[in-house]
């Protein structure tokens, strides 16, 4: 038995449900780096083609850590090189495609939008949402099992944007492990065998 993809190509999005962004957004980013990076290289699920891009955020630290780590395991160095950023949306009145609303199903949206790989089809959906006038997408996250719209993909100009950087806090091993991601320390040199 093969699993067939039920998510189709985006069609006419007239009347597609929208919603505003939450007041607080969270992102895991490199320590000391700004959080407002809009990706356009195709590596992200909803990346737009240049000159536009997509910035990926979450509604809470649980979702942000699980998505950034892809459920690991991760190293202690990975944790030390990252921080949590709490930011406000740059536009509180942004219109986000509400992909988890019941009405979105009438347009062919399924949860495959956030699980299918490779990302070619989600890229086309993101482009269609932007063309329809949406400023981003409110969606479930692949690595957040809570089945709620904890992901926010905002559209903007590709690259780094000069929005408020929000509040930063160092990511800790305890926070990462609390969301179910294993953190591994590098092995001690005594445990290694050198092969020449």
N, C-alpha and C. Protein backbone atom coordinates (compact mmCIF):
# COMPACT_ATOMS: atom_id res chain seq x y z
N UNK A 1 0.85 -1.18 0.00
CA UNK A 1 0.00 0.00 0.00
C UNK A 1 0.89 1.24 0.00
N UNK A 2 0.71 2.11 -0.96
CA UNK A 2 1.52 3.32 -1.03
C UNK A 2 0.71 4.52 -0.56
N UNK A 3 1.42 5.44 0.05
CA UNK A 3 0.76 6.65 0.52
C UNK A 3 0.76 7.67 -0.60
N UNK A 4 -0.42 8.05 -1.03
CA UNK A 4 -0.53 9.06 -2.07
C UNK A 4 -0.72 10.43 -1.45
N UNK A 5 -0.09 11.40 -2.05
CA UNK A 5 -0.21 12.77 -1.59
C UNK A 5 -1.60 13.29 -1.93
N UNK A 6 -2.29 13.83 -0.93
CA UNK A 6 -3.62 14.39 -1.18
C UNK A 6 -3.60 15.91 -1.31
N UNK A 7 -2.50 16.54 -0.90
CA UNK A 7 -2.37 17.99 -1.06
C UNK A 7 -2.11 18.28 -2.53
N UNK A 8 -2.97 19.09 -3.12
CA UNK A 8 -2.80 19.43 -4.53
C UNK A 8 -2.17 20.81 -4.70
N UNK A 9 -2.18 21.26 -5.93
CA UNK A 9 -1.67 22.59 -6.26
C UNK A 9 -2.64 23.65 -5.74
N UNK A 10 -2.13 24.82 -5.37
CA UNK A 10 -3.05 25.89 -4.94
C UNK A 10 -3.89 26.36 -6.12
N UNK A 11 -5.14 26.67 -5.84
CA UNK A 11 -6.04 27.17 -6.88
C UNK A 11 -6.46 28.59 -6.56
N UNK A 12 -7.69 28.91 -6.87
CA UNK A 12 -8.25 30.24 -6.58
C UNK A 12 -8.40 30.37 -5.06
N UNK A 13 -7.73 31.33 -4.47
CA UNK A 13 -7.75 31.50 -3.01
C UNK A 13 -8.71 32.60 -2.56
N UNK A 14 -9.60 33.02 -3.43
CA UNK A 14 -10.58 34.03 -3.06
C UNK A 14 -11.37 33.56 -1.84
N UNK A 15 -11.39 34.36 -0.79
CA UNK A 15 -12.12 34.03 0.42
C UNK A 15 -11.36 33.13 1.38
N UNK A 16 -10.09 32.83 1.08
CA UNK A 16 -9.32 31.96 1.99
C UNK A 16 -9.27 32.61 3.37
N UNK A 17 -9.46 31.83 4.44
CA UNK A 17 -9.49 32.42 5.78
C UNK A 17 -8.13 33.02 6.18
N UNK A 18 -8.20 34.14 6.85
CA UNK A 18 -6.97 34.79 7.35
C UNK A 18 -7.14 35.12 8.82
N UNK A 19 -6.02 35.40 9.44
CA UNK A 19 -6.01 35.82 10.85
C UNK A 19 -4.78 36.68 11.07
N UNK A 20 -4.77 37.41 12.16
CA UNK A 20 -3.63 38.24 12.51
C UNK A 20 -2.58 37.43 13.26
N UNK A 21 -1.40 37.98 13.39
CA UNK A 21 -0.35 37.29 14.14
C UNK A 21 -0.56 37.44 15.65
N UNK A 22 -0.03 36.50 16.43
CA UNK A 22 -0.09 36.68 17.88
C UNK A 22 0.81 37.86 18.28
N UNK A 23 0.60 38.38 19.46
CA UNK A 23 1.37 39.55 19.92
C UNK A 23 2.83 39.20 20.22
N UNK A 24 3.09 37.95 20.55
CA UNK A 24 4.45 37.53 20.90
C UNK A 24 4.86 36.36 20.02
N UNK A 25 6.06 36.44 19.48
CA UNK A 25 6.60 35.38 18.64
C UNK A 25 7.95 34.96 19.21
N UNK A 26 8.32 33.73 18.95
CA UNK A 26 9.58 33.19 19.47
C UNK A 26 10.38 32.57 18.34
N UNK A 27 11.69 32.75 18.42
CA UNK A 27 12.58 32.14 17.42
C UNK A 27 13.88 31.71 18.08
N UNK A 28 14.38 30.56 17.68
CA UNK A 28 15.72 30.14 18.06
C UNK A 28 16.64 30.64 16.97
N UNK A 29 17.68 31.38 17.35
CA UNK A 29 18.62 31.87 16.34
C UNK A 29 20.04 31.80 16.90
N UNK A 30 20.99 32.01 16.05
CA UNK A 30 22.38 32.00 16.48
C UNK A 30 22.62 33.08 17.52
N UNK A 31 23.41 32.76 18.53
CA UNK A 31 23.70 33.73 19.60
C UNK A 31 24.30 34.99 18.99
N UNK A 32 23.72 36.13 19.35
CA UNK A 32 24.20 37.42 18.88
C UNK A 32 23.71 37.81 17.50
N UNK A 33 22.95 36.95 16.84
CA UNK A 33 22.43 37.27 15.51
C UNK A 33 21.02 37.84 15.62
N UNK A 34 20.64 38.64 14.66
CA UNK A 34 19.30 39.20 14.64
C UNK A 34 18.30 38.13 14.19
N UNK A 35 17.07 38.17 14.71
CA UNK A 35 16.11 37.12 14.40
C UNK A 35 15.37 37.28 13.08
N UNK A 36 15.46 38.44 12.46
CA UNK A 36 14.60 38.71 11.31
C UNK A 36 15.28 38.37 9.98
N UNK A 37 15.60 37.09 9.79
CA UNK A 37 16.17 36.62 8.52
C UNK A 37 15.06 36.05 7.66
N UNK A 38 14.93 36.57 6.44
CA UNK A 38 13.91 36.12 5.50
C UNK A 38 14.59 35.25 4.44
N UNK A 39 14.39 33.95 4.56
CA UNK A 39 15.06 32.96 3.73
C UNK A 39 14.45 32.89 2.33
N UNK A 40 15.32 32.81 1.32
CA UNK A 40 14.84 32.70 -0.05
C UNK A 40 15.66 31.68 -0.85
N UNK A 41 16.43 30.85 -0.16
CA UNK A 41 17.29 29.90 -0.86
C UNK A 41 16.62 28.55 -1.12
N UNK A 42 15.35 28.42 -0.72
CA UNK A 42 14.63 27.18 -0.95
C UNK A 42 14.78 26.15 0.15
N UNK A 43 15.58 26.44 1.18
CA UNK A 43 15.82 25.47 2.24
C UNK A 43 14.69 25.42 3.26
N UNK A 44 13.86 26.45 3.30
CA UNK A 44 12.74 26.48 4.23
C UNK A 44 11.45 26.06 3.55
N UNK A 45 10.52 25.53 4.32
CA UNK A 45 9.27 24.98 3.80
C UNK A 45 8.48 26.00 2.97
N UNK A 46 8.42 27.25 3.42
CA UNK A 46 7.60 28.25 2.73
C UNK A 46 8.45 29.37 2.12
N UNK A 47 9.71 29.07 1.79
CA UNK A 47 10.57 30.09 1.18
C UNK A 47 9.96 30.62 -0.11
N UNK A 48 10.03 31.94 -0.24
CA UNK A 48 9.65 32.60 -1.49
C UNK A 48 10.90 32.78 -2.33
N UNK A 49 10.71 32.99 -3.62
CA UNK A 49 11.85 33.25 -4.50
C UNK A 49 12.27 34.71 -4.36
N UNK A 50 13.59 35.00 -4.49
CA UNK A 50 14.06 36.38 -4.44
C UNK A 50 13.32 37.23 -5.48
N UNK A 51 13.04 38.47 -5.18
CA UNK A 51 13.60 39.26 -4.09
C UNK A 51 12.86 39.14 -2.75
N UNK A 52 11.97 38.17 -2.64
CA UNK A 52 11.20 37.99 -1.41
C UNK A 52 11.75 36.82 -0.61
N UNK A 53 11.34 36.73 0.64
CA UNK A 53 11.78 35.64 1.50
C UNK A 53 10.79 35.41 2.61
N UNK A 54 11.09 34.44 3.47
CA UNK A 54 10.19 34.04 4.53
C UNK A 54 10.96 33.92 5.84
N UNK A 55 10.41 34.50 6.91
CA UNK A 55 10.99 34.41 8.25
C UNK A 55 10.13 33.45 9.06
N UNK A 56 10.78 32.47 9.69
CA UNK A 56 10.06 31.41 10.41
C UNK A 56 10.13 31.64 11.91
N UNK A 57 8.94 31.68 12.53
CA UNK A 57 8.82 31.91 13.97
C UNK A 57 7.81 30.94 14.56
N UNK A 58 7.70 30.96 15.87
CA UNK A 58 6.76 30.08 16.56
C UNK A 58 6.00 30.88 17.60
N UNK A 59 4.95 30.26 18.13
CA UNK A 59 4.13 30.94 19.14
C UNK A 59 4.67 30.76 20.55
N UNK A 60 5.57 29.79 20.76
CA UNK A 60 6.15 29.58 22.09
C UNK A 60 7.50 28.88 21.97
N UNK A 61 8.23 28.83 23.08
CA UNK A 61 9.57 28.26 23.05
C UNK A 61 9.54 26.76 22.78
N UNK A 62 8.51 26.07 23.24
CA UNK A 62 8.40 24.63 22.99
C UNK A 62 8.45 24.36 21.50
N UNK A 63 7.60 25.03 20.75
CA UNK A 63 7.54 24.83 19.30
C UNK A 63 8.83 25.30 18.63
N UNK A 64 9.37 26.44 19.05
CA UNK A 64 10.57 26.98 18.42
C UNK A 64 11.76 26.05 18.59
N UNK A 65 11.92 25.50 19.79
CA UNK A 65 13.06 24.60 20.04
C UNK A 65 12.90 23.29 19.28
N UNK A 66 11.71 22.71 19.32
CA UNK A 66 11.50 21.44 18.61
C UNK A 66 11.73 21.61 17.11
N UNK A 67 11.29 22.72 16.55
CA UNK A 67 11.44 22.92 15.12
C UNK A 67 12.90 23.21 14.75
N UNK A 68 13.56 24.05 15.53
CA UNK A 68 14.96 24.39 15.23
C UNK A 68 15.89 23.19 15.36
N UNK A 69 15.61 22.33 16.33
CA UNK A 69 16.47 21.16 16.58
C UNK A 69 16.10 19.97 15.70
N UNK A 70 14.92 20.04 15.10
CA UNK A 70 14.37 18.92 14.32
C UNK A 70 14.38 17.64 15.15
N UNK A 71 14.19 17.79 16.44
CA UNK A 71 14.10 16.73 17.45
C UNK A 71 15.43 16.04 17.75
N UNK A 72 16.53 16.60 17.23
CA UNK A 72 17.85 16.15 17.62
C UNK A 72 18.18 14.72 17.28
N UNK A 73 19.15 14.16 18.02
CA UNK A 73 19.81 14.79 19.16
C UNK A 73 20.71 15.94 18.72
N UNK A 74 21.00 16.83 19.67
CA UNK A 74 21.88 17.96 19.41
C UNK A 74 23.03 17.92 20.41
N UNK A 75 24.08 18.62 20.11
CA UNK A 75 25.24 18.66 21.00
C UNK A 75 25.14 19.83 21.97
N UNK A 76 25.92 19.77 23.01
CA UNK A 76 25.99 20.89 23.95
C UNK A 76 26.50 22.14 23.24
N UNK A 77 27.39 21.95 22.26
CA UNK A 77 27.88 23.09 21.47
C UNK A 77 26.75 23.72 20.66
N UNK A 78 25.85 22.89 20.12
CA UNK A 78 24.70 23.41 19.38
C UNK A 78 23.86 24.31 20.29
N UNK A 79 23.61 23.85 21.49
CA UNK A 79 22.81 24.63 22.45
C UNK A 79 23.52 25.93 22.79
N UNK A 80 24.82 25.86 23.11
CA UNK A 80 25.57 27.05 23.52
C UNK A 80 25.65 28.11 22.43
N UNK A 81 25.51 27.70 21.17
CA UNK A 81 25.63 28.64 20.05
C UNK A 81 24.30 29.29 19.68
N UNK A 82 23.26 29.04 20.48
CA UNK A 82 21.93 29.56 20.14
C UNK A 82 21.28 30.28 21.30
N UNK A 83 20.30 31.10 20.94
CA UNK A 83 19.51 31.80 21.95
C UNK A 83 18.05 31.85 21.52
N UNK A 84 17.20 32.10 22.50
CA UNK A 84 15.78 32.29 22.24
C UNK A 84 15.52 33.78 22.10
N UNK A 85 14.76 34.15 21.10
CA UNK A 85 14.36 35.55 20.94
C UNK A 85 12.85 35.64 21.05
N UNK A 86 12.39 36.56 21.87
CA UNK A 86 10.96 36.87 21.95
C UNK A 86 10.77 38.23 21.29
N UNK A 87 9.96 38.24 20.25
CA UNK A 87 9.78 39.45 19.46
C UNK A 87 8.30 39.72 19.25
N UNK A 88 8.01 40.92 18.84
CA UNK A 88 6.65 41.30 18.44
C UNK A 88 6.60 41.30 16.92
N UNK A 89 5.46 40.97 16.34
CA UNK A 89 5.38 40.99 14.88
C UNK A 89 5.62 42.41 14.37
N UNK A 90 6.35 42.55 13.26
CA UNK A 90 6.61 43.89 12.73
C UNK A 90 5.35 44.61 12.28
N UNK A 91 4.30 43.85 11.94
CA UNK A 91 3.02 44.45 11.55
C UNK A 91 1.92 43.70 12.29
N UNK A 92 1.38 44.32 13.33
CA UNK A 92 0.34 43.67 14.14
C UNK A 92 -0.94 43.43 13.35
N UNK A 93 -1.09 44.11 12.21
CA UNK A 93 -2.29 43.94 11.39
C UNK A 93 -2.05 43.05 10.17
N UNK A 94 -0.94 42.33 10.17
CA UNK A 94 -0.63 41.45 9.05
C UNK A 94 -1.75 40.43 8.85
N UNK A 95 -1.98 40.07 7.60
CA UNK A 95 -2.99 39.05 7.25
C UNK A 95 -2.27 37.74 6.97
N UNK A 96 -2.47 36.76 7.83
CA UNK A 96 -1.83 35.46 7.67
C UNK A 96 -2.84 34.44 7.15
N UNK A 97 -2.43 33.65 6.17
CA UNK A 97 -3.29 32.57 5.68
C UNK A 97 -3.48 31.59 6.84
N UNK A 98 -4.73 31.38 7.22
CA UNK A 98 -5.06 30.55 8.39
C UNK A 98 -5.26 29.11 7.94
N UNK A 99 -4.16 28.38 7.77
CA UNK A 99 -4.22 27.05 7.17
C UNK A 99 -4.83 25.98 8.07
N UNK A 100 -5.01 26.28 9.35
CA UNK A 100 -5.60 25.27 10.25
C UNK A 100 -7.09 25.51 10.49
N UNK A 101 -7.63 26.54 9.91
CA UNK A 101 -9.08 26.78 10.05
C UNK A 101 -9.85 25.77 9.21
N UNK A 102 -11.00 25.40 9.65
CA UNK A 102 -11.82 24.42 8.93
C UNK A 102 -12.08 24.87 7.50
N UNK A 103 -12.32 26.16 7.30
CA UNK A 103 -12.62 26.67 5.97
C UNK A 103 -11.46 26.48 4.99
N UNK A 104 -10.23 26.36 5.49
CA UNK A 104 -9.07 26.16 4.60
C UNK A 104 -9.17 24.82 3.86
N UNK A 105 -9.87 23.87 4.45
CA UNK A 105 -10.05 22.57 3.81
C UNK A 105 -10.77 22.66 2.47
N UNK A 106 -11.65 23.65 2.32
CA UNK A 106 -12.37 23.82 1.05
C UNK A 106 -11.44 24.21 -0.10
N UNK A 107 -10.23 24.66 0.24
CA UNK A 107 -9.26 25.07 -0.77
C UNK A 107 -8.22 23.98 -1.03
N UNK A 108 -8.42 22.82 -0.41
CA UNK A 108 -7.51 21.70 -0.63
C UNK A 108 -6.38 21.57 0.35
N UNK A 109 -6.35 22.42 1.39
CA UNK A 109 -5.26 22.35 2.37
C UNK A 109 -5.41 21.08 3.21
N UNK A 110 -4.31 20.38 3.37
CA UNK A 110 -4.23 19.24 4.29
C UNK A 110 -2.99 19.44 5.16
N UNK A 111 -2.83 18.61 6.18
CA UNK A 111 -1.63 18.74 7.03
C UNK A 111 -0.36 18.37 6.26
N UNK A 112 -0.51 17.80 5.07
CA UNK A 112 0.68 17.54 4.25
C UNK A 112 1.41 18.83 3.90
N UNK A 113 0.72 19.95 3.94
CA UNK A 113 1.36 21.24 3.68
C UNK A 113 2.56 21.44 4.60
N UNK A 114 2.49 20.89 5.82
CA UNK A 114 3.58 21.09 6.79
C UNK A 114 4.40 19.83 7.04
N UNK A 115 4.15 18.78 6.29
CA UNK A 115 4.92 17.56 6.48
C UNK A 115 5.60 17.05 5.21
N UNK A 116 5.08 17.39 4.04
CA UNK A 116 5.61 16.84 2.80
C UNK A 116 7.04 17.34 2.53
N UNK A 117 7.85 16.44 2.04
CA UNK A 117 9.18 16.79 1.55
C UNK A 117 9.33 16.15 0.18
N UNK A 118 10.09 16.71 -0.73
CA UNK A 118 10.74 18.01 -0.61
C UNK A 118 9.72 19.15 -0.57
N UNK A 119 10.21 20.37 -0.50
CA UNK A 119 9.36 21.53 -0.24
C UNK A 119 8.79 22.20 -1.49
N UNK A 120 8.91 21.60 -2.64
CA UNK A 120 8.44 22.26 -3.88
C UNK A 120 6.98 22.70 -3.80
N UNK A 121 6.11 21.79 -3.37
CA UNK A 121 4.67 22.12 -3.31
C UNK A 121 4.37 23.18 -2.24
N UNK A 122 4.93 23.07 -1.02
CA UNK A 122 4.72 24.17 -0.06
C UNK A 122 5.25 25.52 -0.56
N UNK A 123 6.35 25.51 -1.33
CA UNK A 123 6.86 26.76 -1.91
C UNK A 123 5.80 27.38 -2.83
N UNK A 124 5.14 26.54 -3.63
CA UNK A 124 4.12 27.07 -4.54
C UNK A 124 2.91 27.59 -3.77
N UNK A 125 2.54 26.91 -2.67
CA UNK A 125 1.45 27.42 -1.85
C UNK A 125 1.82 28.77 -1.23
N UNK A 126 3.05 28.90 -0.74
CA UNK A 126 3.48 30.18 -0.15
C UNK A 126 3.42 31.30 -1.19
N UNK A 127 3.90 31.03 -2.40
CA UNK A 127 3.85 32.03 -3.47
C UNK A 127 2.41 32.41 -3.79
N UNK A 128 1.51 31.42 -3.78
CA UNK A 128 0.09 31.70 -4.06
C UNK A 128 -0.53 32.54 -2.95
N UNK A 129 -0.20 32.22 -1.70
CA UNK A 129 -0.72 33.03 -0.59
C UNK A 129 -0.23 34.47 -0.70
N UNK A 130 1.04 34.66 -1.02
CA UNK A 130 1.58 36.02 -1.15
C UNK A 130 0.89 36.75 -2.30
N UNK A 131 0.73 36.06 -3.43
CA UNK A 131 0.06 36.67 -4.59
C UNK A 131 -1.37 37.06 -4.24
N UNK A 132 -2.00 36.28 -3.37
CA UNK A 132 -3.37 36.55 -2.94
C UNK A 132 -3.44 37.71 -1.95
N UNK A 133 -2.30 38.25 -1.52
CA UNK A 133 -2.29 39.39 -0.61
C UNK A 133 -2.02 39.05 0.84
N UNK A 134 -1.68 37.81 1.11
CA UNK A 134 -1.36 37.43 2.49
C UNK A 134 0.06 37.87 2.83
N UNK A 135 0.26 38.24 4.09
CA UNK A 135 1.57 38.67 4.58
C UNK A 135 2.36 37.52 5.18
N UNK A 136 1.77 36.33 5.20
CA UNK A 136 2.43 35.17 5.77
C UNK A 136 1.44 34.05 5.96
N UNK A 137 1.86 33.05 6.72
CA UNK A 137 1.06 31.84 6.93
C UNK A 137 1.06 31.48 8.41
N UNK A 138 -0.11 31.18 8.94
CA UNK A 138 -0.24 30.60 10.28
C UNK A 138 -0.47 29.11 10.07
N UNK A 139 0.39 28.27 10.65
CA UNK A 139 0.38 26.86 10.30
C UNK A 139 0.83 25.98 11.46
N UNK A 140 0.57 24.69 11.32
CA UNK A 140 1.12 23.73 12.26
C UNK A 140 2.60 23.57 11.94
N UNK A 141 3.34 23.02 12.91
CA UNK A 141 4.74 22.72 12.68
C UNK A 141 4.94 21.22 12.62
N UNK A 142 5.81 20.79 11.75
CA UNK A 142 6.06 19.37 11.55
C UNK A 142 6.51 18.67 12.83
N UNK A 143 7.32 19.34 13.63
CA UNK A 143 7.90 18.71 14.82
C UNK A 143 7.15 19.04 16.11
N UNK A 144 6.01 19.69 16.02
CA UNK A 144 5.19 20.00 17.20
C UNK A 144 3.96 19.10 17.17
N UNK A 145 3.95 18.08 18.00
CA UNK A 145 2.89 17.08 17.99
C UNK A 145 1.58 17.59 18.58
N UNK A 146 1.55 18.81 19.09
CA UNK A 146 0.34 19.30 19.75
C UNK A 146 -0.79 19.63 18.78
N UNK A 147 -0.54 19.53 17.50
CA UNK A 147 -1.57 19.74 16.47
C UNK A 147 -2.31 21.06 16.65
N UNK A 148 -1.54 22.13 16.69
CA UNK A 148 -2.14 23.46 16.76
C UNK A 148 -1.30 24.40 15.91
N UNK A 149 -1.82 25.56 15.56
CA UNK A 149 -1.07 26.46 14.66
C UNK A 149 0.04 27.20 15.39
N UNK A 150 1.12 26.50 15.71
CA UNK A 150 2.21 27.11 16.47
C UNK A 150 3.30 27.69 15.58
N UNK A 151 3.13 27.61 14.26
CA UNK A 151 4.11 28.16 13.34
C UNK A 151 3.61 29.43 12.67
N UNK A 152 4.54 30.37 12.50
CA UNK A 152 4.25 31.63 11.81
C UNK A 152 5.33 31.82 10.76
N UNK A 153 4.95 31.92 9.50
CA UNK A 153 5.87 32.19 8.41
C UNK A 153 5.51 33.57 7.86
N UNK A 154 6.38 34.55 8.08
CA UNK A 154 6.11 35.91 7.61
C UNK A 154 6.85 36.18 6.31
N UNK A 155 6.20 36.86 5.38
CA UNK A 155 6.81 37.21 4.11
C UNK A 155 7.41 38.60 4.18
N UNK A 156 8.50 38.81 3.46
CA UNK A 156 9.14 40.12 3.40
C UNK A 156 10.23 40.09 2.35
N UNK A 157 11.04 41.12 2.34
CA UNK A 157 12.17 41.17 1.41
C UNK A 157 13.22 40.16 1.87
N UNK A 158 13.83 39.48 0.91
CA UNK A 158 14.82 38.46 1.25
C UNK A 158 15.99 39.07 2.00
N UNK A 159 16.53 38.30 2.95
CA UNK A 159 17.70 38.72 3.71
C UNK A 159 17.32 39.24 5.09
N UNK A 160 18.23 39.99 5.68
CA UNK A 160 18.05 40.50 7.04
C UNK A 160 17.21 41.77 7.03
N UNK A 161 16.21 41.81 7.90
CA UNK A 161 15.36 43.00 8.04
C UNK A 161 15.70 43.69 9.35
N UNK A 162 15.56 45.00 9.37
CA UNK A 162 15.92 45.81 10.54
C UNK A 162 14.72 46.07 11.43
N UNK A 163 14.08 45.00 11.91
CA UNK A 163 12.98 45.13 12.86
C UNK A 163 13.53 45.02 14.27
N UNK A 164 12.70 45.33 15.26
CA UNK A 164 13.11 45.24 16.66
C UNK A 164 13.55 43.81 16.98
N UNK A 165 14.75 43.69 17.55
CA UNK A 165 15.32 42.38 17.85
C UNK A 165 14.73 41.70 19.07
N UNK A 166 13.89 42.39 19.81
CA UNK A 166 13.21 41.77 20.95
C UNK A 166 14.14 41.43 22.09
N UNK A 167 13.69 40.52 22.93
CA UNK A 167 14.44 40.11 24.11
C UNK A 167 15.13 38.78 23.85
N UNK A 168 16.42 38.73 24.17
CA UNK A 168 17.20 37.52 23.95
C UNK A 168 17.52 36.85 25.27
N UNK A 169 17.50 35.53 25.26
CA UNK A 169 17.96 34.76 26.42
C UNK A 169 18.72 33.55 25.90
N UNK A 170 19.78 33.20 26.61
CA UNK A 170 20.60 32.06 26.19
C UNK A 170 19.75 30.79 26.23
N UNK A 171 19.90 29.97 25.23
CA UNK A 171 19.24 28.67 25.21
C UNK A 171 20.00 27.76 26.17
N UNK A 172 19.28 26.97 26.95
CA UNK A 172 19.94 26.10 27.92
C UNK A 172 19.67 24.63 27.61
N UNK A 173 20.55 23.79 28.10
CA UNK A 173 20.38 22.35 27.95
C UNK A 173 19.06 21.92 28.58
N UNK A 174 18.74 22.48 29.75
CA UNK A 174 17.49 22.12 30.44
C UNK A 174 16.27 22.45 29.59
N UNK A 175 16.27 23.61 28.92
CA UNK A 175 15.13 23.99 28.07
C UNK A 175 14.99 23.03 26.88
N UNK A 176 16.11 22.67 26.30
CA UNK A 176 16.08 21.79 25.13
C UNK A 176 15.60 20.40 25.54
N UNK A 177 16.12 19.87 26.64
CA UNK A 177 15.71 18.55 27.10
C UNK A 177 14.26 18.54 27.58
N UNK A 178 13.77 19.67 28.09
CA UNK A 178 12.39 19.75 28.57
C UNK A 178 11.36 19.58 27.45
N UNK A 179 11.77 19.85 26.21
CA UNK A 179 10.83 19.69 25.09
C UNK A 179 11.00 18.33 24.39
N UNK A 180 11.82 17.45 24.99
CA UNK A 180 11.97 16.11 24.46
C UNK A 180 13.11 15.91 23.48
N UNK A 181 14.06 16.83 23.46
CA UNK A 181 15.21 16.72 22.57
C UNK A 181 16.43 16.32 23.39
N UNK A 182 17.10 15.26 23.00
CA UNK A 182 18.28 14.78 23.71
C UNK A 182 19.48 15.67 23.39
N UNK A 183 20.22 16.04 24.44
CA UNK A 183 21.44 16.84 24.28
C UNK A 183 22.62 15.96 24.67
N UNK A 184 23.59 15.85 23.79
CA UNK A 184 24.74 15.00 24.03
C UNK A 184 26.01 15.83 24.17
N UNK A 185 26.80 15.51 25.18
CA UNK A 185 28.10 16.16 25.34
C UNK A 185 29.09 15.45 24.41
N UNK A 186 30.12 16.16 23.96
CA UNK A 186 31.13 15.49 23.13
C UNK A 186 31.80 14.39 23.96
N UNK A 187 32.20 13.30 23.32
CA UNK A 187 32.85 12.23 24.08
C UNK A 187 34.19 12.69 24.64
N UNK A 188 34.54 12.17 25.80
CA UNK A 188 35.85 12.46 26.40
C UNK A 188 36.93 11.82 25.56
N UNK A 189 38.08 12.43 25.49
CA UNK A 189 39.16 11.90 24.65
C UNK A 189 39.55 10.48 25.06
N UNK A 190 39.38 10.11 26.33
CA UNK A 190 39.71 8.77 26.78
C UNK A 190 38.81 7.71 26.15
N UNK A 191 37.64 8.15 25.68
CA UNK A 191 36.69 7.21 25.07
C UNK A 191 36.92 7.03 23.58
N UNK A 192 37.87 7.78 23.03
CA UNK A 192 38.11 7.73 21.59
C UNK A 192 39.30 6.82 21.25
N UNK A 193 39.21 6.21 20.12
CA UNK A 193 40.32 5.42 19.60
C UNK A 193 40.88 6.15 18.39
N UNK A 194 42.17 6.42 18.43
CA UNK A 194 42.80 7.11 17.32
C UNK A 194 43.28 6.06 16.32
N UNK A 195 42.87 6.23 15.09
CA UNK A 195 43.26 5.32 14.01
C UNK A 195 44.20 6.07 13.08
N UNK A 196 45.37 5.50 12.85
CA UNK A 196 46.30 6.19 11.95
C UNK A 196 46.46 5.47 10.64
